[in-house]
Amino acid sequence: MTAPSAHVGLDAGTDPQELLDGLANAAAAALPASVVDRVLDVERARTLADRLAGRPGAVRSVRLAGASETLTVRRDGGGLATEAARVSGGVTIARERPALGAWLQRFVGEVAAVAADAAGDTAAAAAALGRLGIRTVDAFRVTDGDVHRGLVALTAEAATRLPAGEAATVGRIAELLVDALARLDGATGEPVVVVTRTATTYLPDTLRSYCALPADWAATHRLSDGSTPLGALRRQLDALETAARGMRDAAVERDAAAVVVNGRFLDDRFRAVDPGLELR
């Protein structure tokens, strides 16, 4: 699953003005349209030349009123100044100035949380993270070239970051996908594609979107349907396990059409979260 062109590849080493401009554009694209005007504030310096040319002007600050804290980054001389503030009842009760890399990591989590809250499902966070384009350490990356090794590493990481029950489900999903691919060894076409896509995109995206959420928020928040982010994760993992088991069983029976049907079930589920996403 690839995100649209809003992906900008931002990190702490990016030129300060380029980072601010890119962050403002990417955050606006990543956040749900229903809340972006309420939670995102972008301040620009617009010169006369900008006005005459119809340009929006250079971004001077970006402020996100996130789910658990308010994050601000602004130009400060030749660099950038960051702030993370916890607000309660309109009053700031704690304020800190994290390093830019740590601030960006927290920004990722807050965008994911806002997206999940607006949609009532943490699956929406995957689409938001894809559009945001901030480079962070990706512990759940699985590549087409080495699915087996990638799933082993993903399962080990899940065991350190998820409750035991959910980590065990991830392990079962990984085993089913590895078994399905082994039984499809030598096959070509859509059956292999849909199993590989589940291993390299749908399972990692599910874990990535949940683990990006602010920990306290994920543990205590109630989504619009009354469920918790952990409950939403369980539903997503259950759907993945059902589909992965169906793929494996179909592969055992050498039923290519059934493998594809189970893969398409997941395609439809992810398209429902964001119809604009393109499938690899």
C-alpha atoms as a PDB file:
ATOM      1  CA  MET A   1       0.000   0.000   0.000  1.00  0.00           C
ATOM      2  CA  THR A   2       1.608   3.234  -1.089  1.00  0.00           C
ATOM      3  CA  ALA A   3       0.566   6.697  -0.018  1.00  0.00           C
ATOM      4  CA  PRO A   4      -0.146   9.557  -2.423  1.00  0.00           C
ATOM      5  CA  SER A   5       2.491  12.136  -3.317  1.00  0.00           C
ATOM      6  CA  ALA A   6       2.206  13.964   0.012  1.00  0.00           C
ATOM      7  CA  HIS A   7       5.013  11.725   1.300  1.00  0.00           C
ATOM      8  CA  VAL A   8       7.933  14.091   1.859  1.00  0.00           C
ATOM      9  CA  GLY A   9      10.561  12.065   3.711  1.00  0.00           C
ATOM     10  CA  LEU A  10      11.099  14.525   6.548  1.00  0.00           C
ATOM     11  CA  ASP A  11      13.570  13.951   9.350  1.00  0.00           C
ATOM     12  CA  ALA A  12      15.573  15.960  11.862  1.00  0.00           C
ATOM     13  CA  GLY A  13      18.375  16.480   9.320  1.00  0.00           C
ATOM     14  CA  THR A  14      16.180  18.251   6.781  1.00  0.00           C
ATOM     15  CA  ASP A  15      16.803  21.954   6.093  1.00  0.00           C
ATOM     16  CA  PRO A  16      14.766  23.887   8.724  1.00  0.00           C
ATOM     17  CA  GLN A  17      12.620  25.827   6.260  1.00  0.00           C
ATOM     18  CA  GLU A  18      12.124  22.791   4.056  1.00  0.00           C
ATOM     19  CA  LEU A  19      11.086  20.773   7.109  1.00  0.00           C
ATOM     20  CA  LEU A  20       8.557  23.382   8.238  1.00  0.00           C
ATOM     21  CA  ASP A  21       7.052  23.795   4.767  1.00  0.00           C
ATOM     22  CA  GLY A  22       6.918  20.046   4.200  1.00  0.00           C
ATOM     23  CA  LEU A  23       5.544  19.343   7.672  1.00  0.00           C
ATOM     24  CA  ALA A  24       2.696  21.835   7.228  1.00  0.00           C
ATOM     25  CA  ASN A  25       1.696  20.334   3.873  1.00  0.00           C
ATOM     26  CA  ALA A  26       2.089  16.723   4.969  1.00  0.00           C
ATOM     27  CA  ALA A  27       0.186  17.192   8.238  1.00  0.00           C
ATOM     28  CA  ALA A  28      -2.707  18.843   6.403  1.00  0.00           C
ATOM     29  CA  ALA A  29      -2.836  15.868   4.024  1.00  0.00           C
ATOM     30  CA  ALA A  30      -2.499  13.291   6.798  1.00  0.00           C
ATOM     31  CA  LEU A  31      -5.143  14.611   9.176  1.00  0.00           C
ATOM     32  CA  PRO A  32      -8.847  13.864   8.570  1.00  0.00           C
ATOM     33  CA  ALA A  33     -10.582  16.706   6.738  1.00  0.00           C
ATOM     34  CA  SER A  34     -13.235  16.818   9.454  1.00  0.00           C
ATOM     35  CA  VAL A  35     -10.748  17.944  12.119  1.00  0.00           C
ATOM     36  CA  VAL A  36      -7.743  19.461  10.343  1.00  0.00           C
ATOM     37  CA  ASP A  37      -8.882  23.084  10.740  1.00  0.00           C
ATOM     38  CA  ARG A  38      -9.557  22.523  14.435  1.00  0.00           C
ATOM     39  CA  VAL A  39      -6.308  20.817  15.409  1.00  0.00           C
ATOM     40  CA  LEU A  40      -3.682  22.200  12.986  1.00  0.00           C
ATOM     41  CA  ASP A  41      -2.487  25.812  13.040  1.00  0.00           C
ATOM     42  CA  VAL A  42       0.101  26.965  10.481  1.00  0.00           C
ATOM     43  CA  GLU A  43       1.588  30.455  10.711  1.00  0.00           C
ATOM     44  CA  ARG A  44       3.208  31.877   7.575  1.00  0.00           C
ATOM     45  CA  ALA A  45       5.313  34.923   6.756  1.00  0.00           C
ATOM     46  CA  ARG A  46       3.939  36.289   3.482  1.00  0.00           C
ATOM     47  CA  THR A  47       5.995  38.975   1.768  1.00  0.00           C
ATOM     48  CA  LEU A  48       4.734  41.478  -0.802  1.00  0.00           C
ATOM     49  CA  ALA A  49       6.411  39.367  -3.483  1.00  0.00           C
ATOM     50  CA  ASP A  50       4.524  36.323  -2.203  1.00  0.00           C
ATOM     51  CA  ARG A  51       1.248  38.219  -2.387  1.00  0.00           C
ATOM     52  CA  LEU A  52       1.886  39.479  -5.908  1.00  0.00           C
ATOM     53  CA  ALA A  53       2.863  36.002  -7.055  1.00  0.00           C
ATOM     54  CA  GLY A  54      -0.050  34.329  -5.276  1.00  0.00           C
ATOM     55  CA  ARG A  55       2.279  32.263  -3.062  1.00  0.00           C
ATOM     56  CA  PRO A  56       1.207  31.254   0.451  1.00  0.00           C
ATOM     57  CA  GLY A  57       4.515  32.346   2.019  1.00  0.00           C
ATOM     58  CA  ALA A  58       7.090  30.541   4.117  1.00  0.00           C
ATOM     59  CA  VAL A  59       5.882  28.599   7.132  1.00  0.00           C
ATOM     60  CA  ARG A  60       7.067  30.112  10.409  1.00  0.00           C
ATOM     61  CA  SER A  61       5.410  27.702  12.851  1.00  0.00           C
ATOM     62  CA  VAL A  62       3.320  24.537  12.968  1.00  0.00           C
ATOM     63  CA  ARG A  63       1.096  23.778  15.961  1.00  0.00           C
ATOM     64  CA  LEU A  64      -0.861  20.559  16.470  1.00  0.00           C
ATOM     65  CA  ALA A  65      -3.464  20.219  19.214  1.00  0.00           C
ATOM     66  CA  GLY A  66      -3.076  16.468  19.534  1.00  0.00           C
ATOM     67  CA  ALA A  67      -4.945  13.844  21.473  1.00  0.00           C
ATOM     68  CA  SER A  68      -2.670  13.933  24.516  1.00  0.00           C
ATOM     69  CA  GLU A  69      -0.460  16.999  24.081  1.00  0.00           C
ATOM     70  CA  THR A  70      -0.029  20.137  21.998  1.00  0.00           C
ATOM     71  CA  LEU A  71       3.105  20.175  19.854  1.00  0.00           C
ATOM     72  CA  THR A  72       4.654  23.286  18.317  1.00  0.00           C
ATOM     73  CA  VAL A  73       7.719  23.823  16.149  1.00  0.00           C
ATOM     74  CA  ARG A  74       8.795  27.278  14.946  1.00  0.00           C
ATOM     75  CA  ARG A  75      11.675  29.062  13.267  1.00  0.00           C
ATOM     76  CA  ASP A  76      14.212  30.320  15.777  1.00  0.00           C
ATOM     77  CA  GLY A  77      17.012  32.208  14.075  1.00  0.00           C
ATOM     78  CA  GLY A  78      18.678  29.759  11.719  1.00  0.00           C
ATOM     79  CA  GLY A  79      17.160  26.711  13.368  1.00  0.00           C
ATOM     80  CA  LEU A  80      13.977  25.369  14.885  1.00  0.00           C
ATOM     81  CA  ALA A  81      12.542  25.534  18.401  1.00  0.00           C
ATOM     82  CA  THR A  82      10.211  22.817  19.642  1.00  0.00           C
ATOM     83  CA  GLU A  83       7.651  22.653  22.429  1.00  0.00           C
ATOM     84  CA  ALA A  84       5.457  19.913  23.854  1.00  0.00           C
ATOM     85  CA  ALA A  85       2.730  21.044  26.228  1.00  0.00           C
ATOM     86  CA  ARG A  86       0.095  19.175  28.205  1.00  0.00           C
ATOM     87  CA  VAL A  87      -3.094  21.184  28.499  1.00  0.00           C
ATOM     88  CA  SER A  88      -5.999  20.564  30.862  1.00  0.00           C
ATOM     89  CA  GLY A  89      -9.125  22.705  30.851  1.00  0.00           C
ATOM     90  CA  GLY A  90      -7.400  25.277  28.670  1.00  0.00           C
ATOM     91  CA  VAL A  91      -4.500  25.618  31.121  1.00  0.00           C
ATOM     92  CA  THR A  92      -0.972  24.420  30.339  1.00  0.00           C
ATOM     93  CA  ILE A  93       0.055  22.106  33.178  1.00  0.00           C
ATOM     94  CA  ALA A  94       3.422  20.929  31.807  1.00  0.00           C
ATOM     95  CA  ARG A  95       5.784  22.172  29.140  1.00  0.00           C
ATOM     96  CA  GLU A  96       9.024  20.812  27.721  1.00  0.00           C
ATOM     97  CA  ARG A  97      11.354  21.356  24.769  1.00  0.00           C
ATOM     98  CA  PRO A  98      12.329  17.961  23.331  1.00  0.00           C
ATOM     99  CA  ALA A  99      15.054  17.503  20.764  1.00  0.00           C
ATOM    100  CA  LEU A 100      13.772  17.781  17.211  1.00  0.00           C
ATOM    101  CA  GLY A 101      14.025  14.054  16.480  1.00  0.00           C
ATOM    102  CA  ALA A 102      12.046  13.176  19.616  1.00  0.00           C
ATOM    103  CA  TRP A 103       9.537  15.925  18.824  1.00  0.00           C
ATOM    104  CA  LEU A 104       8.950  14.503  15.343  1.00  0.00           C
ATOM    105  CA  GLN A 105       8.385  11.043  16.817  1.00  0.00           C
ATOM    106  CA  ARG A 106       5.774  12.472  19.171  1.00  0.00           C
ATOM    107  CA  PHE A 107       4.190  14.419  16.309  1.00  0.00           C
ATOM    108  CA  VAL A 108       3.779  11.145  14.406  1.00  0.00           C
ATOM    109  CA  GLY A 109       1.984   9.615  17.382  1.00  0.00           C
ATOM    110  CA  GLU A 110      -0.349  12.559  17.876  1.00  0.00           C
ATOM    111  CA  VAL A 111      -1.337  12.619  14.191  1.00  0.00           C
ATOM    112  CA  ALA A 112      -2.047   8.878  14.369  1.00  0.00           C
ATOM    113  CA  ALA A 113      -4.164   9.370  17.496  1.00  0.00           C
ATOM    114  CA  VAL A 114      -6.188  12.223  15.982  1.00  0.00           C
ATOM    115  CA  ALA A 115      -6.841  10.145  12.854  1.00  0.00           C
ATOM    116  CA  ALA A 116      -7.887   7.120  14.906  1.00  0.00           C
ATOM    117  CA  ASP A 117     -10.161   9.207  17.126  1.00  0.00           C
ATOM    118  CA  ALA A 118     -11.853  10.926  14.180  1.00  0.00           C
ATOM    119  CA  ALA A 119     -12.514   7.610  12.415  1.00  0.00           C
ATOM    120  CA  GLY A 120     -13.314   5.604  15.539  1.00  0.00           C
ATOM    121  CA  ASP A 121     -10.823   2.938  14.475  1.00  0.00           C
ATOM    122  CA  THR A 122      -7.059   2.746  14.838  1.00  0.00           C
ATOM    123  CA  ALA A 123      -6.831   1.339  11.298  1.00  0.00           C
ATOM    124  CA  ALA A 124      -7.264   4.925  10.077  1.00  0.00           C
ATOM    125  CA  ALA A 125      -3.922   5.766  11.655  1.00  0.00           C
ATOM    126  CA  ALA A 126      -2.126   3.671   9.030  1.00  0.00           C
ATOM    127  CA  ALA A 127      -3.354   5.916   6.236  1.00  0.00           C
ATOM    128  CA  ALA A 128      -2.376   9.023   8.215  1.00  0.00           C
ATOM    129  CA  LEU A 129       1.129   7.725   8.902  1.00  0.00           C
ATOM    130  CA  GLY A 130       1.632   6.885   5.242  1.00  0.00           C
ATOM    131  CA  ARG A 131       0.754  10.409   4.195  1.00  0.00           C
ATOM    132  CA  LEU A 132       2.741  12.122   6.929  1.00  0.00           C
ATOM    133  CA  GLY A 133       6.094  11.093   5.477  1.00  0.00           C
ATOM    134  CA  ILE A 134       8.242  11.580   8.583  1.00  0.00           C
ATOM    135  CA  ARG A 135      11.127   9.138   8.697  1.00  0.00           C
ATOM    136  CA  THR A 136      11.291   7.301  11.995  1.00  0.00           C
ATOM    137  CA  VAL A 137      12.744   3.957  13.010  1.00  0.00           C
ATOM    138  CA  ASP A 138      10.434   1.321  11.503  1.00  0.00           C
ATOM    139  CA  ALA A 139      10.550  -1.783  13.671  1.00  0.00           C
ATOM    140  CA  PHE A 140       7.840  -3.509  11.625  1.00  0.00           C
ATOM    141  CA  ARG A 141       9.309  -3.325   8.137  1.00  0.00           C
ATOM    142  CA  VAL A 142       8.962  -6.497   6.058  1.00  0.00           C
ATOM    143  CA  THR A 143      10.331  -6.491   2.508  1.00  0.00           C
ATOM    144  CA  ASP A 144       9.249  -8.488  -0.518  1.00  0.00           C
ATOM    145  CA  GLY A 145      12.776  -9.841  -0.864  1.00  0.00           C
ATOM    146  CA  ASP A 146      12.917 -11.553   2.541  1.00  0.00           C
ATOM    147  CA  VAL A 147       9.435 -12.047   3.923  1.00  0.00           C
ATOM    148  CA  HIS A 148      10.365 -14.907   6.259  1.00  0.00           C
ATOM    149  CA  ARG A 149      13.195 -13.055   7.999  1.00  0.00           C
ATOM    150  CA  GLY A 150      11.118  -9.879   8.171  1.00  0.00           C
ATOM    151  CA  LEU A 151       8.206 -11.667   9.835  1.00  0.00           C
ATOM    152  CA  VAL A 152      10.539 -13.252  12.390  1.00  0.00           C
ATOM    153  CA  ALA A 153      11.841  -9.787  13.339  1.00  0.00           C
ATOM    154  CA  LEU A 154       8.321  -8.318  13.323  1.00  0.00           C
ATOM    155  CA  THR A 155       7.068 -11.058  15.653  1.00  0.00           C
ATOM    156  CA  ALA A 156       9.967 -10.484  18.053  1.00  0.00           C
ATOM    157  CA  GLU A 157       9.294  -6.751  18.116  1.00  0.00           C
ATOM    158  CA  ALA A 158       5.576  -7.293  18.683  1.00  0.00           C
ATOM    159  CA  ALA A 159       6.409  -9.449  21.720  1.00  0.00           C
ATOM    160  CA  THR A 160       8.140  -6.463  23.332  1.00  0.00           C
ATOM    161  CA  ARG A 161       5.513  -3.842  22.461  1.00  0.00           C
ATOM    162  CA  LEU A 162       2.120  -5.548  22.635  1.00  0.00           C
ATOM    163  CA  PRO A 163       0.197  -7.343  25.403  1.00  0.00           C
ATOM    164  CA  ALA A 164       0.873 -11.075  25.470  1.00  0.00           C
ATOM    165  CA  GLY A 165      -2.406 -12.081  23.832  1.00  0.00           C
ATOM    166  CA  GLU A 166      -2.025  -9.736  20.884  1.00  0.00           C
ATOM    167  CA  ALA A 167       1.661 -10.647  20.479  1.00  0.00           C
ATOM    168  CA  ALA A 168       0.666 -14.325  20.311  1.00  0.00           C
ATOM    169  CA  THR A 169      -1.879 -13.523  17.598  1.00  0.00           C
ATOM    170  CA  VAL A 170       0.817 -11.752  15.595  1.00  0.00           C
ATOM    171  CA  GLY A 171       3.004 -14.841  15.916  1.00  0.00           C
ATOM    172  CA  ARG A 172       0.221 -17.077  14.587  1.00  0.00           C
ATOM    173  CA  ILE A 173      -0.445 -14.750  11.665  1.00  0.00           C
ATOM    174  CA  ALA A 174       3.242 -14.719  10.754  1.00  0.00           C
ATOM    175  CA  GLU A 175       3.426 -18.532  10.886  1.00  0.00           C
ATOM    176  CA  LEU A 176       0.351 -18.869   8.660  1.00  0.00           C
ATOM    177  CA  LEU A 177       1.751 -16.446   6.089  1.00  0.00           C
ATOM    178  CA  VAL A 178       5.146 -18.158   6.018  1.00  0.00           C
ATOM    179  CA  ASP A 179       3.435 -21.551   5.604  1.00  0.00           C
ATOM    180  CA  ALA A 180       1.208 -20.226   2.824  1.00  0.00           C
ATOM    181  CA  LEU A 181       4.164 -18.805   0.913  1.00  0.00           C
ATOM    182  CA  ALA A 182       6.138 -22.036   1.342  1.00  0.00           C
ATOM    183  CA  ARG A 183       3.242 -24.022  -0.128  1.00  0.00           C
ATOM    184  CA  LEU A 184       2.991 -21.544  -3.006  1.00  0.00           C
ATOM    185  CA  ASP A 185       6.710 -21.896  -3.727  1.00  0.00           C
ATOM    186  CA  GLY A 186       7.208 -21.892  -7.466  1.00  0.00           C
ATOM    187  CA  ALA A 187       3.784 -20.386  -8.115  1.00  0.00           C
ATOM    188  CA  THR A 188       3.356 -16.992  -9.735  1.00  0.00           C
ATOM    189  CA  GLY A 189       0.649 -14.436 -10.117  1.00  0.00           C
ATOM    190  CA  GLU A 190      -2.012 -13.062  -7.807  1.00  0.00           C
ATOM    191  CA  PRO A 191      -2.015 -15.789  -5.106  1.00  0.00           C
ATOM    192  CA  VAL A 192       1.612 -15.024  -4.234  1.00  0.00           C
ATOM    193  CA  VAL A 193       0.987 -11.278  -4.505  1.00  0.00           C
ATOM    194  CA  VAL A 194      -1.904 -11.225  -2.019  1.00  0.00           C
ATOM    195  CA  VAL A 195      -0.082 -13.312   0.596  1.00  0.00           C
ATOM    196  CA  THR A 196       3.051 -11.198   0.233  1.00  0.00           C
ATOM    197  CA  ARG A 197       1.027  -7.997   0.483  1.00  0.00           C
ATOM    198  CA  THR A 198      -0.498  -9.181   3.739  1.00  0.00           C
ATOM    199  CA  ALA A 199       2.980  -9.862   5.145  1.00  0.00           C
ATOM    200  CA  THR A 200       4.668  -6.682   3.900  1.00  0.00           C
ATOM    201  CA  THR A 201       1.841  -4.148   4.156  1.00  0.00           C
ATOM    202  CA  TYR A 202      -1.320  -5.059   6.039  1.00  0.00           C
ATOM    203  CA  LEU A 203       0.201  -6.715   9.111  1.00  0.00           C
ATOM    204  CA  PRO A 204       3.044  -4.161   9.501  1.00  0.00           C
ATOM    205  CA  ASP A 205       0.646  -1.239   8.942  1.00  0.00           C
ATOM    206  CA  THR A 206      -1.684  -2.545  11.646  1.00  0.00           C
ATOM    207  CA  LEU A 207       1.123  -2.813  14.199  1.00  0.00           C
ATOM    208  CA  ARG A 208       2.778   0.419  13.130  1.00  0.00           C
ATOM    209  CA  SER A 209      -0.396   2.454  13.477  1.00  0.00           C
ATOM    210  CA  TYR A 210      -1.175   1.104  16.955  1.00  0.00           C
ATOM    211  CA  CYS A 211       2.364   1.372  18.331  1.00  0.00           C
ATOM    212  CA  ALA A 212       2.703   4.958  17.069  1.00  0.00           C
ATOM    213  CA  LEU A 213      -0.131   6.058  19.369  1.00  0.00           C
ATOM    214  CA  PRO A 214       0.785   7.854  22.614  1.00  0.00           C
ATOM    215  CA  ALA A 215       0.959   5.065  25.192  1.00  0.00           C
ATOM    216  CA  ASP A 216      -1.231   6.685  27.872  1.00  0.00           C
ATOM    217  CA  TRP A 217      -3.853   7.680  25.317  1.00  0.00           C
ATOM    218  CA  ALA A 218      -3.932   4.201  23.757  1.00  0.00           C
ATOM    219  CA  ALA A 219      -4.348   2.612  27.178  1.00  0.00           C
ATOM    220  CA  THR A 220      -7.221   4.774  28.439  1.00  0.00           C
ATOM    221  CA  HIS A 221      -8.996   6.487  25.543  1.00  0.00           C
ATOM    222  CA  ARG A 222     -12.414   5.469  24.261  1.00  0.00           C
ATOM    223  CA  LEU A 223     -13.039   5.774  20.532  1.00  0.00           C
ATOM    224  CA  SER A 224     -16.334   7.031  19.146  1.00  0.00           C
ATOM    225  CA  ASP A 225     -17.786   3.491  19.088  1.00  0.00           C
ATOM    226  CA  GLY A 226     -16.927   3.010  22.751  1.00  0.00           C
ATOM    227  CA  SER A 227     -14.009   0.655  22.139  1.00  0.00           C
ATOM    228  CA  THR A 228     -10.417   1.251  23.171  1.00  0.00           C
ATOM    229  CA  PRO A 229      -7.482   1.436  20.727  1.00  0.00           C
ATOM    230  CA  LEU A 230      -6.425  -1.977  22.068  1.00  0.00           C
ATOM    231  CA  GLY A 231      -9.866  -3.366  21.289  1.00  0.00           C
ATOM    232  CA  ALA A 232      -9.615  -1.958  17.760  1.00  0.00           C
ATOM    233  CA  LEU A 233      -6.211  -3.611  17.374  1.00  0.00           C
ATOM    234  CA  ARG A 234      -7.694  -6.943  18.458  1.00  0.00           C
ATOM    235  CA  ARG A 235     -10.409  -6.664  15.801  1.00  0.00           C
ATOM    236  CA  GLN A 236      -7.849  -5.907  13.129  1.00  0.00           C
ATOM    237  CA  LEU A 237      -5.601  -8.780  14.164  1.00  0.00           C
ATOM    238  CA  ASP A 238      -8.577 -11.161  14.260  1.00  0.00           C
ATOM    239  CA  ALA A 239      -9.444 -10.189  10.688  1.00  0.00           C
ATOM    240  CA  LEU A 240      -5.824 -10.685   9.611  1.00  0.00           C
ATOM    241  CA  GLU A 241      -5.629 -14.080  11.303  1.00  0.00           C
ATOM    242  CA  THR A 242      -8.869 -15.242   9.691  1.00  0.00           C
ATOM    243  CA  ALA A 243      -7.664 -14.192   6.244  1.00  0.00           C
ATOM    244  CA  ALA A 244      -4.161 -15.612   6.750  1.00  0.00           C
ATOM    245  CA  ARG A 245      -5.599 -18.955   7.867  1.00  0.00           C
ATOM    246  CA  GLY A 246      -7.842 -18.988   4.820  1.00  0.00           C
ATOM    247  CA  MET A 247      -4.861 -18.313   2.556  1.00  0.00           C
ATOM    248  CA  ARG A 248      -2.811 -21.061   4.174  1.00  0.00           C
ATOM    249  CA  ASP A 249      -5.664 -23.576   3.988  1.00  0.00           C
ATOM    250  CA  ALA A 250      -6.305 -22.689   0.345  1.00  0.00           C
ATOM    251  CA  ALA A 251      -2.607 -23.063  -0.402  1.00  0.00           C
ATOM    252  CA  VAL A 252      -2.679 -26.525   1.167  1.00  0.00           C
ATOM    253  CA  GLU A 253      -5.547 -27.426  -1.174  1.00  0.00           C
ATOM    254  CA  ARG A 254      -3.773 -25.808  -4.122  1.00  0.00           C
ATOM    255  CA  ASP A 255      -6.837 -23.608  -4.545  1.00  0.00           C
ATOM    256  CA  ALA A 256      -5.401 -20.415  -6.060  1.00  0.00           C
ATOM    257  CA  ALA A 257      -8.805 -18.763  -6.367  1.00  0.00           C
ATOM    258  CA  ALA A 258      -9.491 -19.187  -2.641  1.00  0.00           C
ATOM    259  CA  VAL A 259      -6.110 -17.690  -1.770  1.00  0.00           C
ATOM    260  CA  VAL A 260      -7.024 -14.625  -3.828  1.00  0.00           C
ATOM    261  CA  VAL A 261     -10.491 -14.368  -2.256  1.00  0.00           C
ATOM    262  CA  ASN A 262      -8.978 -14.165   1.231  1.00  0.00           C
ATOM    263  CA  GLY A 263      -6.459 -11.587   0.056  1.00  0.00           C
ATOM    264  CA  ARG A 264      -9.184  -9.491  -1.519  1.00  0.00           C
ATOM    265  CA  PHE A 265     -11.050  -9.495   1.782  1.00  0.00           C
ATOM    266  CA  LEU A 266      -8.107  -7.603   3.280  1.00  0.00           C
ATOM    267  CA  ASP A 267      -7.801  -5.349   0.218  1.00  0.00           C
ATOM    268  CA  ASP A 268     -11.427  -4.310   0.698  1.00  0.00           C
ATOM    269  CA  ARG A 269     -10.903  -3.718   4.414  1.00  0.00           C
ATOM    270  CA  PHE A 270      -7.968  -1.402   3.826  1.00  0.00           C
ATOM    271  CA  ARG A 271      -9.687   0.435   0.992  1.00  0.00           C
ATOM    272  CA  ALA A 272     -12.594   1.068   3.364  1.00  0.00           C
ATOM    273  CA  VAL A 273     -10.219   2.934   5.658  1.00  0.00           C
ATOM    274  CA  ASP A 274      -8.915   5.123   2.823  1.00  0.00           C
ATOM    275  CA  PRO A 275     -10.291   4.634  -0.732  1.00  0.00           C
ATOM    276  CA  GLY A 276      -7.478   6.808  -2.106  1.00  0.00           C
ATOM    277  CA  LEU A 277      -4.771   4.299  -1.251  1.00  0.00           C
ATOM    278  CA  GLU A 278      -3.151   2.448  -4.118  1.00  0.00           C
ATOM    279  CA  LEU A 279      -2.366  -1.225  -3.772  1.00  0.00           C
ATOM    280  CA  ARG A 280       1.104  -2.418  -4.632  1.00  0.00           C
END
